[in-house]
PDB file of N, CA and C in Angstrom:
ATOM      1  N   MET A   1       0.386  -0.952   0.107  1.00  0.00           N
ATOM      2  CA  MET A   1       0.224  -0.357   0.003  1.00  0.00           C
ATOM      3  C   MET A   1       0.970   0.985  -0.203  1.00  0.00           C
ATOM      4  N   ALA A   2       0.006   1.945  -0.951  1.00  0.00           N
ATOM      5  CA  ALA A   2       1.239   2.835  -1.002  1.00  0.00           C
ATOM      6  C   ALA A   2       0.674   4.379   0.082  1.00  0.00           C
ATOM      7  N   THR A   3       1.866   4.797   0.432  1.00  0.00           N
ATOM      8  CA  THR A   3       1.722   6.552   1.414  1.00  0.00           C
ATOM      9  C   THR A   3       1.728   7.418   0.470  1.00  0.00           C
ATOM     10  N   MET A   4       0.512   8.858   0.887  1.00  0.00           N
ATOM     11  CA  MET A   4       0.479   9.952   0.219  1.00  0.00           C
ATOM     12  C   MET A   4       0.483  11.161   1.491  1.00  0.00           C
ATOM     13  N   ASN A   5       1.237  12.061   1.602  1.00  0.00           N
ATOM     14  CA  ASN A   5       1.698  13.397   2.285  1.00  0.00           C
ATOM     15  C   ASN A   5       1.327  13.984   1.469  1.00  0.00           C
ATOM     16  N   PHE A   6      -0.115  15.112   1.954  1.00  0.00           N
ATOM     17  CA  PHE A   6      -0.557  16.582   1.664  1.00  0.00           C
ATOM     18  C   PHE A   6      -0.667  17.335   2.822  1.00  0.00           C
ATOM     19  N   SER A   7      -0.831  18.274   2.528  1.00  0.00           N
ATOM     20  CA  SER A   7      -1.263  19.452   3.620  1.00  0.00           C
ATOM     21  C   SER A   7      -2.545  20.172   3.252  1.00  0.00           C
ATOM     22  N   ILE A   8      -3.513  20.454   4.231  1.00  0.00           N
ATOM     23  CA  ILE A   8      -4.791  20.258   4.482  1.00  0.00           C
ATOM     24  C   ILE A   8      -5.234  21.791   5.209  1.00  0.00           C
ATOM     25  N   PRO A   9      -5.881  22.460   5.261  1.00  0.00           N
ATOM     26  CA  PRO A   9      -6.152  23.476   5.666  1.00  0.00           C
ATOM     27  C   PRO A   9      -6.928  23.153   6.965  1.00  0.00           C
ATOM     28  N   ASP A  10      -6.984  23.797   8.060  1.00  0.00           N
ATOM     29  CA  ASP A  10      -7.084  23.157   9.413  1.00  0.00           C
ATOM     30  C   ASP A  10      -8.143  22.459   9.685  1.00  0.00           C
ATOM     31  N   ALA A  11      -9.694  23.571   9.060  1.00  0.00           N
ATOM     32  CA  ALA A  11     -10.934  23.293   9.142  1.00  0.00           C
ATOM     33  C   ALA A  11     -11.253  22.159   8.123  1.00  0.00           C
ATOM     34  N   ILE A  12     -10.850  22.213   7.684  1.00  0.00           N
ATOM     35  CA  ILE A  12     -11.488  20.919   6.841  1.00  0.00           C
ATOM     36  C   ILE A  12     -10.783  19.532   7.175  1.00  0.00           C
ATOM     37  N   ARG A  13      -9.745  19.707   7.469  1.00  0.00           N
ATOM     38  CA  ARG A  13      -9.158  18.965   9.267  1.00  0.00           C
ATOM     39  C   ARG A  13      -9.936  18.450   9.846  1.00  0.00           C
ATOM     40  N   ASP A  14     -10.425  19.357  10.739  1.00  0.00           N
ATOM     41  CA  ASP A  14     -11.291  19.804  11.844  1.00  0.00           C
ATOM     42  C   ASP A  14     -12.928  18.422  11.326  1.00  0.00           C
ATOM     43  N   ALA A  15     -13.406  19.308  10.392  1.00  0.00           N
ATOM     44  CA  ALA A  15     -14.458  18.372   9.689  1.00  0.00           C
ATOM     45  C   ALA A  15     -14.337  17.567   9.643  1.00  0.00           C
ATOM     46  N   CYS A  16     -13.259  16.831   9.085  1.00  0.00           N
ATOM     47  CA  CYS A  16     -13.290  15.489   8.645  1.00  0.00           C
ATOM     48  C   CYS A  16     -13.095  14.891   9.771  1.00  0.00           C
ATOM     49  N   ASN A  17     -12.482  15.356  10.988  1.00  0.00           N
ATOM     50  CA  ASN A  17     -12.193  14.485  12.179  1.00  0.00           C
ATOM     51  C   ASN A  17     -13.760  14.407  12.849  1.00  0.00           C
ATOM     52  N   ARG A  18     -14.647  14.723  12.264  1.00  0.00           N
ATOM     53  CA  ARG A  18     -15.927  15.573  12.858  1.00  0.00           C
ATOM     54  C   ARG A  18     -17.088  14.413  12.207  1.00  0.00           C
ATOM     55  N   ALA A  19     -17.017  14.635  11.171  1.00  0.00           N
ATOM     56  CA  ALA A  19     -17.219  13.773  10.234  1.00  0.00           C
ATOM     57  C   ALA A  19     -17.747  12.020   9.955  1.00  0.00           C
ATOM     58  N   PHE A  20     -16.387  11.772  10.299  1.00  0.00           N
ATOM     59  CA  PHE A  20     -15.425   9.997  10.699  1.00  0.00           C
ATOM     60  C   PHE A  20     -14.809  10.090  11.476  1.00  0.00           C
ATOM     61  N   LEU A  21     -15.780  11.010  12.649  1.00  0.00           N
ATOM     62  CA  LEU A  21     -15.399  10.050  14.272  1.00  0.00           C
ATOM     63  C   LEU A  21     -15.279   8.974  14.547  1.00  0.00           C
ATOM     64  N   GLU A  22     -16.386   7.936  14.276  1.00  0.00           N
ATOM     65  CA  GLU A  22     -16.289   6.317  14.272  1.00  0.00           C
ATOM     66  C   GLU A  22     -15.823   4.775  13.422  1.00  0.00           C
ATOM     67  N   GLN A  23     -15.440   6.322  12.391  1.00  0.00           N
ATOM     68  CA  GLN A  23     -14.997   5.399  10.914  1.00  0.00           C
ATOM     69  C   GLN A  23     -13.299   4.920  11.187  1.00  0.00           C
ATOM     70  N   ASN A  24     -12.933   4.847  10.169  1.00  0.00           N
ATOM     71  CA  ASN A  24     -11.222   4.368  10.290  1.00  0.00           C
ATOM     72  C   ASN A  24     -11.411   6.100   8.437  1.00  0.00           C
ATOM     73  N   LYS A  25     -10.562   6.707   9.567  1.00  0.00           N
ATOM     74  CA  LYS A  25     -10.473   7.897   8.692  1.00  0.00           C
ATOM     75  C   LYS A  25      -9.652   7.430   7.102  1.00  0.00           C
ATOM     76  N   ARG A  26      -8.495   6.595   7.464  1.00  0.00           N
ATOM     77  CA  ARG A  26      -7.645   6.427   6.082  1.00  0.00           C
ATOM     78  C   ARG A  26      -8.683   5.547   5.054  1.00  0.00           C
ATOM     79  N   ALA A  27     -10.119   4.737   5.484  1.00  0.00           N
ATOM     80  CA  ALA A  27     -10.246   3.647   4.482  1.00  0.00           C
ATOM     81  C   ALA A  27     -11.490   5.291   4.028  1.00  0.00           C
ATOM     82  N   ALA A  28     -12.259   5.838   4.770  1.00  0.00           N
ATOM     83  CA  ALA A  28     -12.767   7.454   4.377  1.00  0.00           C
ATOM     84  C   ALA A  28     -12.699   8.049   3.587  1.00  0.00           C
ATOM     85  N   ILE A  29     -10.965   8.356   3.733  1.00  0.00           N
ATOM     86  CA  ILE A  29     -10.681   9.341   2.478  1.00  0.00           C
ATOM     87  C   ILE A  29     -10.506   8.710   1.542  1.00  0.00           C
ATOM     88  N   ALA A  30     -10.073   7.658   1.418  1.00  0.00           N
ATOM     89  CA  ALA A  30     -10.179   6.517   0.467  1.00  0.00           C
ATOM     90  C   ALA A  30     -10.827   6.244  -0.949  1.00  0.00           C
ATOM     91  N   CYS A  31     -12.214   6.634   0.583  1.00  0.00           N
ATOM     92  CA  CYS A  31     -12.947   6.169  -1.006  1.00  0.00           C
ATOM     93  C   CYS A  31     -13.078   7.404  -1.299  1.00  0.00           C
ATOM     94  N   LEU A  32     -13.504   8.361  -0.776  1.00  0.00           N
ATOM     95  CA  LEU A  32     -13.948  10.000  -1.005  1.00  0.00           C
ATOM     96  C   LEU A  32     -12.831   9.732  -2.351  1.00  0.00           C
ATOM     97  N   MET A  33     -11.216   9.718  -1.928  1.00  0.00           N
ATOM     98  CA  MET A  33     -10.481   9.200  -3.739  1.00  0.00           C
ATOM     99  C   MET A  33     -11.115   8.592  -4.710  1.00  0.00           C
ATOM    100  N   GLN A  34     -11.298   7.662  -4.369  1.00  0.00           N
ATOM    101  CA  GLN A  34     -12.544   7.012  -5.472  1.00  0.00           C
ATOM    102  C   GLN A  34     -13.254   7.455  -6.244  1.00  0.00           C
ATOM    103  N   GLN A  35     -14.287   7.963  -5.651  1.00  0.00           N
ATOM    104  CA  GLN A  35     -15.452   8.869  -5.870  1.00  0.00           C
ATOM    105  C   GLN A  35     -15.002  10.247  -6.755  1.00  0.00           C
ATOM    106  N   THR A  36     -14.087  10.713  -6.763  1.00  0.00           N
ATOM    107  CA  THR A  36     -13.805  12.028  -6.940  1.00  0.00           C
ATOM    108  C   THR A  36     -12.596  11.620  -7.925  1.00  0.00           C
ATOM    109  N   ILE A  37     -12.112  10.460  -8.248  1.00  0.00           N
ATOM    110  CA  ILE A  37     -11.250   9.920  -9.861  1.00  0.00           C
ATOM    111  C   ILE A  37     -12.719   9.358 -10.620  1.00  0.00           C
ATOM    112  N   ALA A  38     -13.889   8.392 -10.285  1.00  0.00           N
ATOM    113  CA  ALA A  38     -14.799   8.299 -10.854  1.00  0.00           C
ATOM    114  C   ALA A  38     -15.143   9.550 -11.839  1.00  0.00           C
ATOM    115  N   GLU A  39     -15.940  10.675 -10.092  1.00  0.00           N
ATOM    116  CA  GLU A  39     -16.439  11.484 -11.046  1.00  0.00           C
ATOM    117  C   GLU A  39     -15.426  12.050 -12.475  1.00  0.00           C
ATOM    118  N   ALA A  40     -14.756  12.511 -11.771  1.00  0.00           N
ATOM    119  CA  ALA A  40     -13.087  12.676 -13.043  1.00  0.00           C
ATOM    120  C   ALA A  40     -13.607  12.189 -14.053  1.00  0.00           C
ATOM    121  N   GLU A  41     -13.403  10.827 -14.557  1.00  0.00           N
ATOM    122  CA  GLU A  41     -13.108   9.946 -15.316  1.00  0.00           C
ATOM    123  C   GLU A  41     -15.073  10.151 -16.699  1.00  0.00           C
ATOM    124  N   GLN A  42     -16.390  10.381 -15.357  1.00  0.00           N
ATOM    125  CA  GLN A  42     -17.564  10.348 -16.573  1.00  0.00           C
ATOM    126  C   GLN A  42     -17.630  11.820 -17.000  1.00  0.00           C
ATOM    127  N   GLN A  43     -17.003  12.792 -16.511  1.00  0.00           N
ATOM    128  CA  GLN A  43     -16.824  14.064 -16.872  1.00  0.00           C
ATOM    129  C   GLN A  43     -16.365  14.774 -18.004  1.00  0.00           C
ATOM    130  N   ARG A  44     -14.727  13.190 -18.013  1.00  0.00           N
ATOM    131  CA  ARG A  44     -14.563  13.114 -19.390  1.00  0.00           C
ATOM    132  C   ARG A  44     -14.992  12.606 -20.417  1.00  0.00           C
ATOM    133  N   ARG A  45     -15.354  11.334 -20.262  1.00  0.00           N
ATOM    134  CA  ARG A  45     -16.095  11.143 -21.330  1.00  0.00           C
ATOM    135  C   ARG A  45     -17.565  11.545 -21.639  1.00  0.00           C
ATOM    136  N   CYS A  46     -17.769  12.083 -20.612  1.00  0.00           N
ATOM    137  CA  CYS A  46     -19.031  13.259 -21.425  1.00  0.00           C
ATOM    138  C   CYS A  46     -18.602  14.187 -22.602  1.00  0.00           C
ATOM    139  N   GLN A  47     -17.371  14.247 -21.956  1.00  0.00           N
ATOM    140  CA  GLN A  47     -16.971  15.665 -23.066  1.00  0.00           C
ATOM    141  C   GLN A  47     -16.771  15.192 -23.698  1.00  0.00           C
ATOM    142  N   ALA A  48     -16.002  14.427 -23.725  1.00  0.00           N
ATOM    143  CA  ALA A  48     -15.786  12.758 -24.969  1.00  0.00           C
ATOM    144  C   ALA A  48     -16.752  13.304 -26.349  1.00  0.00           C
ATOM    145  N   ALA A  49     -17.818  12.736 -26.091  1.00  0.00           N
ATOM    146  CA  ALA A  49     -19.055  12.802 -26.269  1.00  0.00           C
ATOM    147  C   ALA A  49     -19.609  13.526 -26.853  1.00  0.00           C
ATOM    148  N   PHE A  50     -19.653  14.765 -25.600  1.00  0.00           N
ATOM    149  CA  PHE A  50     -20.059  15.375 -26.580  1.00  0.00           C
ATOM    150  C   PHE A  50     -19.522  16.795 -27.384  1.00  0.00           C
ATOM    151  N   GLU A  51     -18.132  16.366 -27.042  1.00  0.00           N
ATOM    152  CA  GLU A  51     -17.406  17.479 -28.632  1.00  0.00           C
ATOM    153  C   GLU A  51     -17.661  16.130 -30.009  1.00  0.00           C
ATOM    154  N   GLN A  52     -17.955  15.190 -29.910  1.00  0.00           N
ATOM    155  CA  GLN A  52     -17.935  14.102 -30.862  1.00  0.00           C
ATOM    156  C   GLN A  52     -19.413  14.669 -31.979  1.00  0.00           C
ATOM    157  N   LEU A  53     -20.321  14.497 -30.501  1.00  0.00           N
ATOM    158  CA  LEU A  53     -21.662  14.508 -31.322  1.00  0.00           C
ATOM    159  C   LEU A  53     -21.336  16.593 -32.043  1.00  0.00           C
ATOM    160  N   SER A  54     -20.899  17.035 -31.390  1.00  0.00           N
ATOM    161  CA  SER A  54     -21.087  18.708 -32.041  1.00  0.00           C
ATOM    162  C   SER A  54     -19.836  18.575 -33.236  1.00  0.00           C
ATOM    163  N   ALA A  55     -19.063  17.309 -33.765  1.00  0.00           N
ATOM    164  CA  ALA A  55     -18.543  17.478 -34.572  1.00  0.00           C
ATOM    165  C   ALA A  55     -18.864  16.929 -35.539  1.00  0.00           C
ATOM    166  N   ALA A  56     -20.305  15.640 -35.394  1.00  0.00           N
ATOM    167  CA  ALA A  56     -20.936  15.248 -36.269  1.00  0.00           C
ATOM    168  C   ALA A  56     -21.649  16.542 -36.732  1.00  0.00           C
ATOM    169  N   ARG A  57     -22.249  17.356 -36.077  1.00  0.00           N
ATOM    170  CA  ARG A  57     -23.117  18.074 -36.170  1.00  0.00           C
ATOM    171  C   ARG A  57     -23.048  19.032 -37.283  1.00  0.00           C
ATOM    172  N   LEU A  58     -21.450  18.941 -36.818  1.00  0.00           N
ATOM    173  CA  LEU A  58     -21.266  20.204 -38.216  1.00  0.00           C
ATOM    174  C   LEU A  58     -21.131  20.148 -40.019  1.00  0.00           C
ATOM    175  N   GLY A  59     -21.243  18.542 -39.521  1.00  0.00           N
ATOM    176  CA  GLY A  59     -21.337  17.472 -41.268  1.00  0.00           C
ATOM    177  C   GLY A  59     -22.280  17.285 -41.611  1.00  0.00           C
ATOM    178  N   ARG A  60     -23.716  17.775 -40.342  1.00  0.00           N
ATOM    179  CA  ARG A  60     -24.583  16.996 -41.410  1.00  0.00           C
ATOM    180  C   ARG A  60     -25.707  18.348 -42.131  1.00  0.00           C
ATOM    181  N   PRO A  61     -26.795  18.471 -42.960  1.00  0.00           N
ATOM    182  CA  PRO A  61     -26.546  19.643 -43.646  1.00  0.00           C
ATOM    183  C   PRO A  61     -27.936  20.552 -42.650  1.00  0.00           C
ATOM    184  N   ALA A  62     -27.807  22.189 -43.087  1.00  0.00           N
ATOM    185  CA  ALA A  62     -28.434  22.264 -41.673  1.00  0.00           C
ATOM    186  C   ALA A  62     -30.227  22.757 -42.720  1.00  0.00           C
ATOM    187  N   LEU A  63     -31.277  22.816 -41.494  1.00  0.00           N
ATOM    188  CA  LEU A  63     -32.967  23.080 -42.229  1.00  0.00           C
ATOM    189  C   LEU A  63     -33.250  24.378 -41.832  1.00  0.00           C
ATOM    190  N   THR A  64     -32.962  25.204 -43.232  1.00  0.00           N
ATOM    191  CA  THR A  64     -33.608  26.321 -42.844  1.00  0.00           C
ATOM    192  C   THR A  64     -34.702  27.008 -42.740  1.00  0.00           C
ATOM    193  N   ASP A  65     -35.045  28.344 -41.686  1.00  0.00           N
ATOM    194  CA  ASP A  65     -36.211  28.561 -41.085  1.00  0.00           C
ATOM    195  C   ASP A  65     -37.216  28.245 -41.835  1.00  0.00           C
ATOM    196  N   THR A  66     -37.541  28.138 -43.058  1.00  0.00           N
ATOM    197  CA  THR A  66     -38.626  28.400 -44.057  1.00  0.00           C
ATOM    198  C   THR A  66     -38.703  27.063 -44.693  1.00  0.00           C
ATOM    199  N   ALA A  67     -37.436  25.878 -44.844  1.00  0.00           N
ATOM    200  CA  ALA A  67     -38.055  25.005 -44.930  1.00  0.00           C
ATOM    201  C   ALA A  67     -38.577  23.866 -43.906  1.00  0.00           C
ATOM    202  N   ALA A  68     -38.564  24.318 -42.401  1.00  0.00           N
ATOM    203  CA  ALA A  68     -38.609  24.050 -41.064  1.00  0.00           C
ATOM    204  C   ALA A  68     -39.932  24.243 -40.852  1.00  0.00           C
ATOM    205  N   ARG A  69     -40.390  25.877 -41.556  1.00  0.00           N
ATOM    206  CA  ARG A  69     -41.191  25.950 -41.322  1.00  0.00           C
ATOM    207  C   ARG A  69     -42.789  25.195 -42.608  1.00  0.00           C
ATOM    208  N   ALA A  70     -41.677  24.952 -43.600  1.00  0.00           N
ATOM    209  CA  ALA A  70     -43.149  24.253 -45.255  1.00  0.00           C
ATOM    210  C   ALA A  70     -43.109  22.893 -43.447  1.00  0.00           C
ATOM    211  N   VAL A  71     -42.213  21.467 -43.431  1.00  0.00           N
ATOM    212  CA  VAL A  71     -42.393  20.498 -42.848  1.00  0.00           C
ATOM    213  C   VAL A  71     -43.391  20.966 -42.142  1.00  0.00           C
ATOM    214  N   ARG A  72     -43.335  22.106 -40.785  1.00  0.00           N
ATOM    215  CA  ARG A  72     -44.150  22.015 -39.736  1.00  0.00           C
ATOM    216  C   ARG A  72     -45.636  22.057 -40.209  1.00  0.00           C
ATOM    217  N   GLU A  73     -46.158  22.950 -40.959  1.00  0.00           N
ATOM    218  CA  GLU A  73     -47.102  23.006 -41.799  1.00  0.00           C
ATOM    219  C   GLU A  73     -47.847  22.350 -43.350  1.00  0.00           C
ATOM    220  N   SER A  74     -47.210  21.183 -43.679  1.00  0.00           N
ATOM    221  CA  SER A  74     -47.310  20.310 -44.611  1.00  0.00           C
ATOM    222  C   SER A  74     -48.381  19.412 -43.659  1.00  0.00           C
ATOM    223  N   GLY A  75     -48.044  19.032 -42.773  1.00  0.00           N
ATOM    224  CA  GLY A  75     -49.148  17.715 -42.078  1.00  0.00           C
ATOM    225  C   GLY A  75     -50.053  18.740 -41.845  1.00  0.00           C
ATOM    226  N   ARG A  76     -50.416  19.606 -41.813  1.00  0.00           N
ATOM    227  CA  ARG A  76     -51.436  20.554 -40.975  1.00  0.00           C
ATOM    228  C   ARG A  76     -52.718  21.093 -41.669  1.00  0.00           C
ATOM    229  N   PRO A  77     -53.547  20.950 -41.053  1.00  0.00           N
ATOM    230  CA  PRO A  77     -55.195  20.232 -42.002  1.00  0.00           C
ATOM    231  C   PRO A  77     -55.804  22.278 -42.573  1.00  0.00           C
TER     232      PRO A  77
END
């Protein structure tokens, strides 16, 4: 198992100590780190999907306002 050393503000340390009073703080912090990593990976996947959809949109033909109105009105009585 690896060891990480980092500094955090005293207020965050105190809040962590209160929040995880009856728990193994190392396990709790490891779990929080895993959640943060998963969220970052999900955000990267969402960004990649957005970029892919945006790039594909540029290749599709655009519908003019006139054409869109004609399609909307074509099925109306």
